[in-house]
N, C-alpha and C. Protein backbone atom coordinates (compact mmCIF):
# COMPACT_ATOMS: atom_id res chain seq x y z
N MET A 1 0.86 -1.27 -0.07
CA MET A 1 0.13 0.29 0.07
C MET A 1 0.61 1.53 0.25
N LYS A 2 0.70 2.23 -0.96
CA LYS A 2 1.37 3.60 -0.76
C LYS A 2 0.64 4.67 -0.14
N VAL A 3 0.97 5.27 0.54
CA VAL A 3 0.43 6.76 1.31
C VAL A 3 1.10 7.80 0.71
N VAL A 4 0.62 9.01 1.30
CA VAL A 4 1.72 10.15 1.38
C VAL A 4 1.40 10.76 2.05
N VAL A 5 2.93 11.65 2.43
CA VAL A 5 2.96 12.10 3.85
C VAL A 5 2.38 13.62 3.99
N ILE A 6 1.70 13.46 5.29
CA ILE A 6 0.90 15.02 6.00
C ILE A 6 1.54 15.62 6.81
N CYS A 7 2.91 15.12 7.54
CA CYS A 7 3.13 15.99 8.18
C CYS A 7 4.43 15.32 8.47
N SER A 8 5.60 16.45 8.03
CA SER A 8 7.09 16.10 8.29
C SER A 8 7.31 15.42 9.63
N PHE A 9 8.05 14.39 9.31
CA PHE A 9 8.42 13.13 10.62
C PHE A 9 9.97 13.51 10.66
N ARG A 10 10.94 13.69 11.41
CA ARG A 10 12.41 13.53 11.80
C ARG A 10 13.06 12.79 11.91
N GLY A 11 12.08 11.84 12.31
CA GLY A 11 12.87 10.41 12.74
C GLY A 11 13.59 10.16 13.99
N SER A 12 13.04 10.96 14.63
CA SER A 12 13.37 10.77 15.96
C SER A 12 13.26 10.03 17.17
N VAL A 13 13.00 8.63 16.80
CA VAL A 13 13.21 7.49 17.10
C VAL A 13 13.97 6.61 16.80
N PRO A 14 14.34 5.58 17.64
CA PRO A 14 15.63 4.67 17.53
C PRO A 14 14.68 4.33 15.67
N GLN A 15 15.49 3.81 14.23
CA GLN A 15 15.27 3.20 13.49
C GLN A 15 13.79 4.10 12.46
N GLY A 16 13.85 5.42 13.27
CA GLY A 16 13.14 6.46 12.33
C GLY A 16 12.95 7.11 11.18
N LEU A 17 12.19 7.05 10.01
CA LEU A 17 12.51 7.33 9.00
C LEU A 17 11.95 8.62 8.68
N VAL A 18 12.94 9.59 8.30
CA VAL A 18 12.76 10.97 8.34
C VAL A 18 11.64 11.09 6.85
N LEU A 19 10.88 12.22 7.22
CA LEU A 19 10.28 11.76 5.90
C LEU A 19 9.45 13.88 5.52
N GLU A 20 9.45 13.96 4.66
CA GLU A 20 8.71 15.47 4.13
C GLU A 20 7.25 15.03 3.64
N ILE A 21 6.76 16.10 3.52
CA ILE A 21 5.19 16.90 3.46
C ILE A 21 5.23 16.43 1.87
N GLY A 22 4.63 15.69 1.65
CA GLY A 22 4.10 15.15 -0.09
C GLY A 22 4.78 13.98 -0.19
N GLU A 23 5.68 13.37 -0.04
CA GLU A 23 6.67 12.03 -0.12
C GLU A 23 5.82 11.20 -0.43
N THR A 24 5.94 10.24 -1.14
CA THR A 24 4.90 8.84 -0.80
C THR A 24 6.00 7.61 -0.39
N VAL A 25 5.16 7.18 0.47
CA VAL A 25 6.10 6.13 1.13
C VAL A 25 5.31 4.69 0.61
N GLN A 26 5.87 3.54 0.86
CA GLN A 26 5.42 2.12 0.65
C GLN A 26 5.54 1.61 2.00
N ILE A 27 4.08 1.32 2.39
CA ILE A 27 3.91 0.84 3.77
C ILE A 27 4.41 -1.25 3.96
N LEU A 28 4.92 -1.37 4.77
CA LEU A 28 5.77 -2.87 4.72
C LEU A 28 4.89 -3.55 6.06
N GLU A 29 4.41 -2.75 7.23
CA GLU A 29 3.65 -3.43 8.26
C GLU A 29 3.20 -2.22 9.06
N LYS A 30 2.27 -2.70 10.32
CA LYS A 30 1.64 -1.73 10.63
C LYS A 30 1.63 -1.94 12.08
N CYS A 31 2.12 -1.92 13.11
CA CYS A 31 2.29 -2.14 14.63
C CYS A 31 2.09 -1.15 15.69
N GLU A 32 0.57 -0.92 16.52
CA GLU A 32 0.12 -0.22 17.33
C GLU A 32 0.61 1.36 17.04
N GLY A 33 -0.24 1.70 16.18
CA GLY A 33 -0.12 3.59 15.58
C GLY A 33 1.11 3.54 14.69
N TRP A 34 2.07 2.88 14.63
CA TRP A 34 3.31 2.94 13.54
C TRP A 34 3.27 2.17 12.35
N TYR A 35 3.66 2.65 11.59
CA TYR A 35 3.86 2.22 10.25
C TYR A 35 5.81 1.82 10.07
N ARG A 36 5.93 0.62 9.35
CA ARG A 36 7.22 0.54 8.93
C ARG A 36 7.34 0.55 7.37
N GLY A 37 7.94 1.34 6.86
CA GLY A 37 7.69 1.63 5.32
C GLY A 37 9.61 1.94 4.46
N VAL A 38 9.20 2.45 3.45
CA VAL A 38 10.05 2.54 2.95
C VAL A 38 9.82 4.06 1.82
N SER A 39 10.55 5.29 1.84
CA SER A 39 10.01 6.30 0.73
C SER A 39 10.33 5.60 -0.61
N THR A 40 9.69 6.08 -1.32
CA THR A 40 9.85 6.20 -2.77
C THR A 40 10.84 7.24 -3.07
N LYS A 41 11.38 7.97 -2.98
CA LYS A 41 12.46 9.18 -2.88
C LYS A 41 13.74 8.06 -2.67
N LYS A 42 13.56 7.17 -1.31
CA LYS A 42 15.14 6.76 -0.81
C LYS A 42 14.63 5.24 -0.54
N PRO A 43 14.69 4.16 -1.86
CA PRO A 43 14.09 2.90 -1.63
C PRO A 43 14.87 2.34 -0.55
N ASN A 44 16.53 2.49 -0.68
CA ASN A 44 16.91 1.79 -0.03
C ASN A 44 17.02 2.14 1.38
N VAL A 45 16.51 2.62 2.10
CA VAL A 45 16.27 2.92 3.52
C VAL A 45 14.65 3.00 4.09
N LYS A 46 14.74 2.16 4.89
CA LYS A 46 13.46 1.76 5.37
C LYS A 46 13.92 2.29 7.11
N GLY A 47 12.55 2.35 7.44
CA GLY A 47 11.98 2.54 9.13
C GLY A 47 10.95 3.11 9.39
N ILE A 48 10.60 3.13 10.82
CA ILE A 48 9.35 3.44 10.98
C ILE A 48 8.97 5.15 11.53
N PHE A 49 7.68 5.41 11.75
CA PHE A 49 6.96 6.64 11.47
C PHE A 49 5.50 6.49 11.92
N PRO A 50 5.00 7.64 12.65
CA PRO A 50 3.78 7.58 13.02
C PRO A 50 2.26 7.36 12.17
N ALA A 51 1.70 6.63 11.99
CA ALA A 51 0.26 6.28 11.33
C ALA A 51 -0.55 7.50 11.08
N ASN A 52 -0.19 8.63 11.79
CA ASN A 52 -1.20 9.84 11.89
C ASN A 52 -0.22 10.86 11.25
N TYR A 53 0.95 10.54 10.34
CA TYR A 53 1.33 11.36 9.76
C TYR A 53 1.62 10.95 8.34
N ILE A 54 0.61 10.13 8.02
CA ILE A 54 0.30 9.83 6.33
C ILE A 54 -1.41 9.94 6.50
N HIS A 55 -1.51 9.81 4.53
CA HIS A 55 -2.81 9.50 4.75
C HIS A 55 -3.03 8.68 3.16
N LEU A 56 -3.83 7.94 3.24
CA LEU A 56 -3.87 7.13 2.17
C LEU A 56 -4.20 7.59 1.10
N LYS A 57 -3.72 7.10 -0.21
CA LYS A 57 -4.09 7.29 -1.48
C LYS A 57 -4.40 6.40 -2.54
N LYS A 58 -5.20 6.75 -3.73
CA LYS A 58 -5.16 5.55 -4.77
C LYS A 58 -4.57 6.29 -5.63
N ALA A 59 -4.04 5.28 -6.34
CA ALA A 59 -3.21 5.42 -7.37
C ALA A 59 -3.33 4.60 -8.60
N ILE A 60 -2.36 5.07 -9.42
CA ILE A 60 -2.74 4.41 -10.95
C ILE A 60 -1.04 4.10 -11.20
N VAL A 61 -0.42 2.33 -11.23
CA VAL A 61 0.69 2.03 -11.32
C VAL A 61 0.68 1.70 -12.76
N SER A 62 1.18 2.14 -13.81
CA SER A 62 1.62 1.57 -15.14
C SER A 62 3.04 1.52 -15.49
N ASN A 63 3.27 -0.24 -15.73
CA ASN A 63 4.61 -0.30 -16.09
C ASN A 63 5.11 -0.80 -17.39
N ARG A 64 5.78 0.73 -18.04
CA ARG A 64 5.97 0.61 -19.27
C ARG A 64 7.40 0.51 -19.37
N GLY A 65 8.57 -0.41 -20.18
CA GLY A 65 9.66 -0.07 -20.30
C GLY A 65 10.42 -0.68 -19.08
N LYS A 66 11.40 0.60 -18.69
CA LYS A 66 12.19 0.24 -17.53
C LYS A 66 12.02 0.73 -16.34
N THR A 67 10.80 1.74 -16.40
CA THR A 67 10.56 2.40 -15.23
C THR A 67 8.89 2.30 -14.95
N ILE A 68 8.86 2.29 -13.61
CA ILE A 68 7.47 2.51 -13.33
C ILE A 68 6.74 3.59 -12.99
N GLN A 69 5.91 4.11 -13.44
CA GLN A 69 5.15 5.49 -12.95
C GLN A 69 4.03 5.37 -12.43
N GLU A 70 4.17 6.25 -11.45
CA GLU A 70 2.45 6.39 -10.05
C GLU A 70 2.48 7.42 -10.71
N LEU A 71 0.85 7.37 -10.59
CA LEU A 71 0.09 8.37 -10.89
C LEU A 71 -1.20 8.51 -9.71
N ALA A 72 -0.85 9.49 -8.50
CA ALA A 72 -1.99 9.82 -7.67
C ALA A 72 -3.19 10.14 -8.25
N ILE A 73 -4.35 9.48 -7.49
CA ILE A 73 -5.60 10.24 -7.99
C ILE A 73 -6.05 10.87 -6.89
N GLN A 74 -6.30 12.02 -6.58
CA GLN A 74 -6.85 12.83 -5.57
C GLN A 74 -7.49 13.57 -6.07
N GLN A 75 -8.91 13.78 -4.92
CA GLN A 75 -9.97 14.62 -5.22
C GLN A 75 -9.54 16.05 -4.78
N CYS A 76 -9.97 17.05 -5.46
CA CYS A 76 -9.57 18.55 -5.06
C CYS A 76 -11.16 18.92 -5.05
N LEU A 77 -11.08 20.02 -3.61
CA LEU A 77 -12.09 21.12 -3.34
C LEU A 77 -12.00 21.88 -3.60
N LEU A 78 -12.68 23.12 -3.97
CA LEU A 78 -12.44 24.63 -4.79
C LEU A 78 -13.49 25.28 -3.84
N LYS A 79 -13.17 26.12 -3.04
CA LYS A 79 -14.28 26.95 -1.91
C LYS A 79 -14.02 28.39 -2.89
N THR A 80 -15.26 28.37 -3.47
CA THR A 80 -15.31 30.27 -4.06
C THR A 80 -16.26 30.74 -3.25
N ASP A 81 -16.09 32.34 -3.11
CA ASP A 81 -16.74 32.98 -2.49
C ASP A 81 -17.68 33.65 -3.44
N LYS A 82 -19.30 34.20 -3.28
CA LYS A 82 -20.22 34.56 -4.08
C LYS A 82 -20.51 35.63 -4.09
C-alpha cells in the first residue's frame, strides 16, 4: 500500500524514517499506531513513522519499459466566494 506524507517527521526515534510533506511511502507493516515502510525517494532506506503522519491515497501504477510510473488520484475541493 502506498501513502502520502501529510506532516514532516524527523525520525527522532530509533530506526525512524525521515519524511517530508508530500512524499510517497510504501507501507511494509503496521504495529500499534506506527508503520514501517520505505520512501519512494530513498528506496534503500527503511524505517518507522507514526501512522497519523500519513494519508492513504489511491494510485494508478503503470509499468511501461524500464521504469514504473505512479500517478496519484486525488480529489480537489474548490471554495469560492459568491
